[in-house]
Amino acid sequence: LVARLGSDEFAVLADTGDADALATLAQRIVEALRQPYDVGGRRCEIGASIGIALHGVDSQEADRLLQHADLALARAKADGRGTFRFYDARLDDELQRRRRLSAELRDALATNALALHFQPLMDAGSGRIVGYEALARWPHPERGWVPPATFIALAEQTGLIEDLGVWVLRAACREAARWPAPLTVAVNLSPAQFRRDGAIAEFVSVALRESGLAPERLELEITESLLMARTEPVLRALRELRGLGVSIAMDDFGTGYSSLAHLWRFPLDRVKLDREFTQSLADDAKVGVIVGSVVSMAHALGMSVTAEGVETEAQRQALAAHGCDVLQGFLLGRPAPPDRLPHQNQDEALV
């Protein structure tokens, strides 16, 4: 048995034998490393994930066995860490598929083969369209429309997310510059775009300058996870962005590690309520109390509130009654390509 130990993970190569015995050994290792221990009077805990490849079954070659063990390790970590997995040949197929898709995404970015769709944002009081959220789409020539959850996650895992983010930002600004003022465009930012100090402000500045879009017509959406890490650099970056004249919105507020401290510590202009609140309004009276409280606090701090996921007329009316400023959802308009946006027909907007 040969084990390679990293910070919290093993890749294990084993001679053919009793797989049950290996599974028992792996589980004992995981459980042993999970036990807390004392360091200078402080309780510390670690964990381990284990990937196992069998010599003579999965490969005869050491290099290939290590690759297979690493694949099994990756599956163990993906399944929640603190566990073990044996190599499965299907992992190779999945890896090759992801590599091909990654190369195709890189080519799509290089050849401008991606597309943007835009979902309407509606004023809750007047029923008029006030802007759109830009959403990346990938019309693959062979695979059809690749789901955004698939290629965006792939971009984050392969280091392409910054290039994808820059493409979306520039394309969205160019398109919005063709719309009549004061229609706005909202663009999602990834935490990965904040890794290099000063980079995101430079990207935004270039996009505005190239497109001629007025800064006040661009809204940048960030996630709460961004605010949880590298607090000071992120705060500095957000202030730089605000200095350009754009607005900042916190997306999916109310999920994850929501904290009211985010509302006053960070320079935010808008809070976007997660769609779970909208979906639960009719089923739980407490949700309405929470929505009303968040709206009141946001307004007191000078922020606007957008509610996502509006799919029924009852939801629209309830959110408007709670004081939400802007609504978004399938009831009001699905994402559409630039040549099918409804702002040209404002008189036909839902009221």
Protein backbone atom coordinates (compact mmCIF):
# COMPACT_ATOMS: atom_id res chain seq x y z
CA LEU A 1 0.00 0.00 0.00
CA VAL A 2 1.38 3.40 -1.00
CA ALA A 3 -0.20 6.62 0.25
CA ARG A 4 0.55 10.17 -0.82
CA LEU A 5 -0.48 12.70 1.80
CA GLY A 6 -1.37 16.30 1.01
CA SER A 7 -2.73 18.94 3.36
CA ASP A 8 -6.02 17.08 3.83
CA GLU A 9 -6.13 14.38 1.20
CA PHE A 10 -4.74 11.01 0.19
CA ALA A 11 -4.23 9.40 -3.19
CA VAL A 12 -3.86 5.68 -2.50
CA LEU A 13 -2.42 2.99 -4.76
CA ALA A 14 -3.09 -0.58 -3.73
CA ASP A 15 -2.30 -4.07 -4.97
CA THR A 16 -5.27 -6.11 -6.03
CA GLY A 17 -6.90 -7.79 -3.12
CA ASP A 18 -9.94 -7.53 -0.98
CA ALA A 19 -11.72 -4.29 -1.89
CA ASP A 20 -13.81 -4.57 1.24
CA ALA A 21 -10.65 -4.65 3.34
CA LEU A 22 -9.35 -1.55 1.56
CA ALA A 23 -12.65 0.21 2.12
CA THR A 24 -12.46 -0.66 5.81
CA LEU A 25 -8.90 0.66 6.03
CA ALA A 26 -9.82 3.87 4.23
CA GLN A 27 -12.77 4.46 6.52
CA ARG A 28 -10.56 3.88 9.59
CA ILE A 29 -8.07 6.48 8.29
CA VAL A 30 -10.84 9.00 7.67
CA GLU A 31 -12.32 8.47 11.11
CA ALA A 32 -8.93 8.56 12.85
CA LEU A 33 -7.97 11.86 11.24
CA ARG A 34 -11.38 13.31 12.01
CA GLN A 35 -10.77 13.05 15.76
CA PRO A 36 -9.98 16.38 17.47
CA TYR A 37 -6.60 16.85 19.08
CA ASP A 38 -5.02 19.34 21.44
CA VAL A 39 -2.39 21.87 20.39
CA GLY A 40 -1.21 24.13 23.16
CA GLY A 41 -4.51 23.85 24.94
CA ARG A 42 -6.56 24.58 21.84
CA ARG A 43 -8.91 22.05 20.22
CA CYS A 44 -8.02 21.44 16.58
CA GLU A 45 -9.75 19.35 13.93
CA ILE A 46 -8.71 18.17 10.49
CA GLY A 47 -10.20 15.87 7.92
CA ALA A 48 -9.17 13.67 5.03
CA SER A 49 -10.49 12.59 1.65
CA ILE A 50 -9.13 9.41 0.05
CA GLY A 51 -9.00 8.23 -3.55
CA ILE A 52 -8.07 4.59 -4.24
CA ALA A 53 -6.76 2.96 -7.44
CA LEU A 54 -6.02 -0.78 -7.67
CA HIS A 55 -2.81 -2.09 -9.25
CA GLY A 56 -3.59 -4.77 -11.76
CA VAL A 57 -7.20 -3.70 -12.10
CA ASP A 58 -7.14 0.00 -12.89
CA SER A 59 -3.66 0.01 -14.44
CA GLN A 60 -0.24 -1.65 -14.33
CA GLU A 61 1.66 1.63 -14.64
CA ALA A 62 2.54 3.79 -11.65
CA ASP A 63 1.86 7.10 -13.41
CA ARG A 64 -1.54 5.95 -14.61
CA LEU A 65 -2.38 4.62 -11.16
CA LEU A 66 -1.57 7.99 -9.62
CA GLN A 67 -3.78 9.72 -12.18
CA HIS A 68 -6.60 7.29 -11.45
CA ALA A 69 -6.19 7.74 -7.70
CA ASP A 70 -6.30 11.50 -8.15
CA LEU A 71 -9.54 11.18 -10.11
CA ALA A 72 -11.02 9.06 -7.35
CA LEU A 73 -9.82 11.63 -4.82
CA ALA A 74 -11.51 14.42 -6.77
CA ARG A 75 -14.77 12.47 -6.69
CA ALA A 76 -14.43 11.93 -2.92
CA LYS A 77 -13.98 15.68 -2.41
CA ALA A 78 -16.86 16.49 -4.73
CA ASP A 79 -19.09 14.12 -2.75
CA GLY A 80 -18.62 16.17 0.39
CA ARG A 81 -15.08 15.45 1.61
CA GLY A 82 -14.31 13.35 4.65
CA THR A 83 -14.92 10.15 2.70
CA PHE A 84 -13.22 7.75 0.24
CA ARG A 85 -13.87 6.63 -3.31
CA PHE A 86 -12.48 3.92 -5.59
CA TYR A 87 -11.43 4.77 -9.13
CA ASP A 88 -14.18 4.31 -11.68
CA ALA A 89 -13.40 4.28 -15.41
CA ARG A 90 -16.37 6.56 -15.92
CA LEU A 91 -14.34 9.24 -14.16
CA ASP A 92 -11.96 9.22 -17.11
CA ASP A 93 -14.85 9.72 -19.51
CA GLU A 94 -16.12 12.63 -17.44
CA LEU A 95 -12.64 14.19 -17.30
CA GLN A 96 -12.22 13.92 -21.05
CA ARG A 97 -15.67 15.41 -21.61
CA ARG A 98 -14.85 18.34 -19.35
CA ARG A 99 -11.53 18.91 -21.07
CA ARG A 100 -13.21 19.00 -24.48
CA LEU A 101 -15.92 21.35 -23.23
CA SER A 102 -13.31 23.59 -21.63
CA ALA A 103 -11.35 23.84 -24.90
CA GLU A 104 -14.57 24.59 -26.78
CA LEU A 105 -15.49 27.31 -24.29
CA ARG A 106 -12.05 28.86 -24.72
CA ASP A 107 -12.56 28.86 -28.50
CA ALA A 108 -16.05 30.33 -28.12
CA LEU A 109 -14.65 33.22 -26.09
CA ALA A 110 -11.85 33.78 -28.60
CA THR A 111 -14.24 33.80 -31.57
CA ASN A 112 -17.02 35.79 -29.92
CA ALA A 113 -19.37 32.82 -30.29
CA LEU A 114 -21.23 33.38 -27.02
CA ALA A 115 -24.46 35.34 -26.79
CA LEU A 116 -26.22 37.61 -24.33
CA HIS A 117 -29.87 37.46 -23.41
CA PHE A 118 -31.55 40.11 -21.28
CA GLN A 119 -34.32 39.71 -18.69
CA PRO A 120 -36.57 42.73 -18.01
CA LEU A 121 -36.54 44.60 -14.71
CA MET A 122 -39.90 46.22 -14.01
CA ASP A 123 -40.76 49.14 -11.76
CA ALA A 124 -43.14 47.74 -9.13
CA GLY A 125 -45.26 50.86 -9.03
CA SER A 126 -45.69 51.89 -12.66
CA GLY A 127 -45.22 48.54 -14.38
CA ARG A 128 -42.71 50.09 -16.76
CA ILE A 129 -39.44 48.46 -17.76
CA VAL A 130 -36.50 50.22 -16.15
CA GLY A 131 -33.68 47.99 -17.32
CA TYR A 132 -32.45 44.45 -17.96
CA GLU A 133 -30.17 41.87 -16.42
CA ALA A 134 -27.54 40.54 -18.83
CA LEU A 135 -27.29 36.74 -18.90
CA ALA A 136 -24.60 34.78 -20.77
CA ARG A 137 -25.71 32.07 -23.17
CA TRP A 138 -23.71 29.54 -25.20
CA PRO A 139 -25.25 28.36 -28.48
CA HIS A 140 -22.96 25.40 -29.18
CA PRO A 141 -22.91 24.33 -32.85
CA GLU A 142 -23.18 20.63 -31.93
CA ARG A 143 -24.44 20.45 -28.35
CA GLY A 144 -27.17 23.06 -28.73
CA TRP A 145 -27.68 25.55 -25.89
CA VAL A 146 -25.23 24.62 -23.13
CA PRO A 147 -26.87 25.33 -19.74
CA PRO A 148 -25.38 28.41 -18.02
CA ALA A 149 -24.89 26.46 -14.80
CA THR A 150 -22.67 24.06 -16.75
CA PHE A 151 -20.38 26.45 -18.59
CA ILE A 152 -20.16 29.10 -15.86
CA ALA A 153 -19.12 26.48 -13.30
CA LEU A 154 -16.65 25.12 -15.84
CA ALA A 155 -15.22 28.60 -16.39
CA GLU A 156 -14.72 29.02 -12.65
CA GLN A 157 -12.99 25.65 -12.33
CA THR A 158 -10.69 26.11 -15.33
CA GLY A 159 -9.66 29.72 -14.82
CA LEU A 160 -11.73 31.07 -17.71
CA ILE A 161 -14.16 32.98 -15.50
CA GLU A 162 -12.24 36.24 -15.69
CA ASP A 163 -12.20 36.15 -19.51
CA LEU A 164 -15.89 35.23 -19.53
CA GLY A 165 -16.69 38.05 -17.12
CA VAL A 166 -14.84 40.61 -19.22
CA TRP A 167 -16.64 39.44 -22.37
CA VAL A 168 -20.07 39.70 -20.72
CA LEU A 169 -19.29 43.14 -19.28
CA ARG A 170 -18.09 44.61 -22.59
CA ALA A 171 -20.90 43.05 -24.63
CA ALA A 172 -23.58 44.16 -22.15
CA CYS A 173 -22.30 47.73 -22.10
CA ARG A 174 -22.18 47.89 -25.89
CA GLU A 175 -25.75 46.66 -26.17
CA ALA A 176 -27.11 48.89 -23.39
CA ALA A 177 -25.54 51.95 -25.03
CA ARG A 178 -28.03 51.42 -27.90
CA TRP A 179 -31.02 51.56 -25.58
CA PRO A 180 -32.84 54.79 -24.77
CA ALA A 181 -31.77 56.40 -21.51
CA PRO A 182 -32.31 55.88 -18.64
CA LEU A 183 -32.69 52.11 -19.17
CA THR A 184 -30.04 50.28 -17.12
CA VAL A 185 -28.17 47.02 -17.51
CA ALA A 186 -27.21 44.72 -14.63
CA VAL A 187 -24.14 42.49 -14.96
CA ASN A 188 -23.16 39.70 -12.57
CA LEU A 189 -19.59 39.64 -11.27
CA SER A 190 -17.78 36.53 -10.07
CA PRO A 191 -15.67 36.53 -6.90
CA ALA A 192 -12.81 35.38 -9.14
CA GLN A 193 -12.84 38.78 -10.85
CA PHE A 194 -11.79 40.39 -7.56
CA ARG A 195 -8.68 38.28 -7.04
CA ARG A 196 -6.29 40.82 -8.54
CA ASP A 197 -6.36 44.16 -6.80
CA GLY A 198 -7.53 46.96 -9.07
CA ALA A 199 -8.31 44.66 -12.01
CA ILE A 200 -12.11 44.77 -11.85
CA ALA A 201 -12.25 48.57 -11.71
CA GLU A 202 -9.99 48.71 -14.75
CA PHE A 203 -12.16 46.24 -16.68
CA VAL A 204 -15.30 48.26 -15.90
CA SER A 205 -13.65 51.54 -16.80
CA VAL A 206 -12.53 50.19 -20.17
CA ALA A 207 -15.98 48.72 -20.91
CA LEU A 208 -17.68 52.04 -20.18
CA ARG A 209 -15.17 54.01 -22.20
CA GLU A 210 -15.36 51.69 -25.22
CA SER A 211 -19.16 51.54 -25.26
CA GLY A 212 -19.91 55.15 -24.33
CA LEU A 213 -22.46 53.92 -21.76
CA ALA A 214 -23.11 56.40 -18.96
CA PRO A 215 -21.81 54.90 -15.66
CA GLU A 216 -25.10 55.49 -13.86
CA ARG A 217 -26.79 53.09 -16.30
CA LEU A 218 -24.58 50.14 -15.25
CA GLU A 219 -25.34 48.05 -12.18
CA LEU A 220 -22.88 45.39 -11.01
CA GLU A 221 -24.25 42.44 -9.05
CA ILE A 222 -22.09 40.68 -6.47
CA THR A 223 -22.75 37.71 -4.19
CA GLU A 224 -22.57 37.49 -0.44
CA SER A 225 -19.79 34.91 -0.69
CA LEU A 226 -17.55 37.64 -2.10
CA LEU A 227 -18.09 39.74 1.00
CA MET A 228 -17.13 36.87 3.28
CA ALA A 229 -13.54 36.62 2.04
CA ARG A 230 -10.69 39.12 1.63
CA THR A 231 -12.85 41.78 3.22
CA GLU A 232 -10.52 44.74 2.96
CA PRO A 233 -9.43 44.19 -0.67
CA VAL A 234 -13.06 43.63 -1.68
CA LEU A 235 -14.16 46.76 0.17
CA ARG A 236 -11.45 48.72 -1.60
CA ALA A 237 -12.49 47.34 -4.99
CA LEU A 238 -16.16 48.17 -4.40
CA ARG A 239 -15.24 51.73 -3.47
CA GLU A 240 -13.20 52.02 -6.67
CA LEU A 241 -16.21 50.83 -8.66
CA ARG A 242 -18.51 53.28 -6.92
CA GLY A 243 -15.99 55.97 -7.75
CA LEU A 244 -16.56 55.26 -11.43
CA GLY A 245 -20.23 56.16 -10.98
CA VAL A 246 -21.72 52.67 -11.34
CA SER A 247 -24.07 51.13 -8.76
CA ILE A 248 -23.55 47.95 -6.76
CA ALA A 249 -26.22 45.37 -5.94
CA MET A 250 -26.05 42.38 -3.61
CA ASP A 251 -27.58 39.43 -5.43
CA ASP A 252 -29.58 36.60 -3.79
CA PHE A 253 -29.83 38.37 -0.44
CA GLY A 254 -31.29 36.15 2.26
CA THR A 255 -29.42 32.95 1.43
CA GLY A 256 -26.13 31.55 2.62
CA TYR A 257 -24.42 33.70 5.22
CA SER A 258 -26.67 36.74 5.03
CA SER A 259 -25.64 39.39 7.48
CA LEU A 260 -27.15 42.78 8.15
CA ALA A 261 -23.57 44.00 8.58
CA HIS A 262 -23.24 43.72 4.80
CA LEU A 263 -25.92 46.35 4.37
CA TRP A 264 -24.05 49.05 6.24
CA ARG A 265 -20.39 48.11 5.94
CA PHE A 266 -20.19 47.72 2.17
CA PRO A 267 -21.02 50.41 -0.41
CA LEU A 268 -24.24 48.92 -1.79
CA ASP A 269 -27.00 50.63 -3.77
CA ARG A 270 -29.44 47.75 -4.10
CA VAL A 271 -30.45 44.49 -2.47
CA LYS A 272 -31.86 41.69 -4.61
CA LEU A 273 -34.11 39.39 -2.60
CA ASP A 274 -33.56 35.74 -3.37
CA ARG A 275 -36.35 34.03 -5.29
CA GLU A 276 -37.00 31.70 -2.35
CA PHE A 277 -38.71 34.59 -0.56
CA THR A 278 -40.95 35.22 -3.55
CA GLN A 279 -41.81 31.54 -3.89
CA SER A 280 -42.68 31.23 -0.18
CA LEU A 281 -44.79 34.37 0.21
CA ALA A 282 -48.12 32.60 -0.27
CA ASP A 283 -47.28 29.69 2.04
CA ASP A 284 -45.79 31.34 5.11
CA ALA A 285 -46.91 34.63 6.65
CA LYS A 286 -43.53 34.98 8.35
CA VAL A 287 -41.89 35.38 4.95
CA GLY A 288 -43.93 38.53 4.33
CA VAL A 289 -42.74 39.93 7.66
CA ILE A 290 -39.13 39.27 6.71
CA VAL A 291 -39.55 40.81 3.26
CA GLY A 292 -41.17 43.91 4.73
CA SER A 293 -38.39 44.24 7.31
CA VAL A 294 -35.60 43.90 4.75
CA VAL A 295 -37.28 46.47 2.49
CA SER A 296 -37.68 48.92 5.39
CA MET A 297 -34.05 48.55 6.45
CA ALA A 298 -32.74 48.86 2.92
CA HIS A 299 -34.79 51.99 2.28
CA ALA A 300 -33.63 53.50 5.58
CA LEU A 301 -30.04 52.95 4.41
CA GLY A 302 -30.74 54.56 1.04
CA MET A 303 -30.87 51.32 -0.94
CA SER A 304 -33.40 50.05 -3.45
CA VAL A 305 -34.84 46.52 -3.37
CA THR A 306 -35.38 44.13 -6.28
CA ALA A 307 -37.40 40.93 -5.85
CA GLU A 308 -36.52 38.00 -8.10
CA GLY A 309 -38.53 35.00 -9.23
CA VAL A 310 -41.92 36.68 -9.78
CA GLU A 311 -44.07 34.10 -11.53
CA THR A 312 -47.65 34.89 -10.48
CA GLU A 313 -49.84 37.97 -10.28
CA ALA A 314 -50.37 37.34 -6.56
CA GLN A 315 -46.62 37.44 -5.97
CA ARG A 316 -46.32 40.66 -7.96
CA GLN A 317 -49.01 42.38 -5.94
CA ALA A 318 -47.66 41.15 -2.59
CA LEU A 319 -44.11 42.29 -3.31
CA ALA A 320 -45.31 45.69 -4.50
CA ALA A 321 -47.39 46.02 -1.32
CA HIS A 322 -44.30 45.25 0.77
CA GLY A 323 -42.50 48.15 -0.89
CA CYS A 324 -40.15 46.38 -3.32
CA ASP A 325 -38.94 48.86 -5.92
CA VAL A 326 -38.18 46.59 -8.88
CA LEU A 327 -39.50 43.15 -9.83
CA GLN A 328 -38.01 40.43 -12.01
CA GLY A 329 -39.32 37.06 -13.11
CA PHE A 330 -41.01 35.00 -15.80
CA LEU A 331 -44.37 36.72 -15.23
CA LEU A 332 -42.80 39.99 -16.35
CA GLY A 333 -40.54 38.68 -19.07
CA ARG A 334 -38.20 35.82 -19.85
CA PRO A 335 -34.59 36.34 -20.98
CA ALA A 336 -34.53 37.26 -24.66
CA PRO A 337 -31.94 38.19 -27.31
CA PRO A 338 -31.29 41.89 -27.99
CA ASP A 339 -33.58 42.09 -31.03
CA ARG A 340 -36.60 40.90 -29.03
CA LEU A 341 -36.49 43.19 -26.00
CA PRO A 342 -39.85 44.75 -25.08
CA HIS A 343 -38.80 48.27 -24.10
CA GLN A 344 -39.74 49.52 -27.54
CA ASN A 345 -43.36 48.78 -26.58
CA GLN A 346 -43.52 50.39 -23.15
CA ASP A 347 -47.19 51.11 -23.60
CA GLU A 348 -47.74 47.35 -23.62
CA ALA A 349 -45.81 46.78 -20.37
CA LEU A 350 -47.59 44.91 -17.61
CA VAL A 351 -49.35 47.25 -15.15
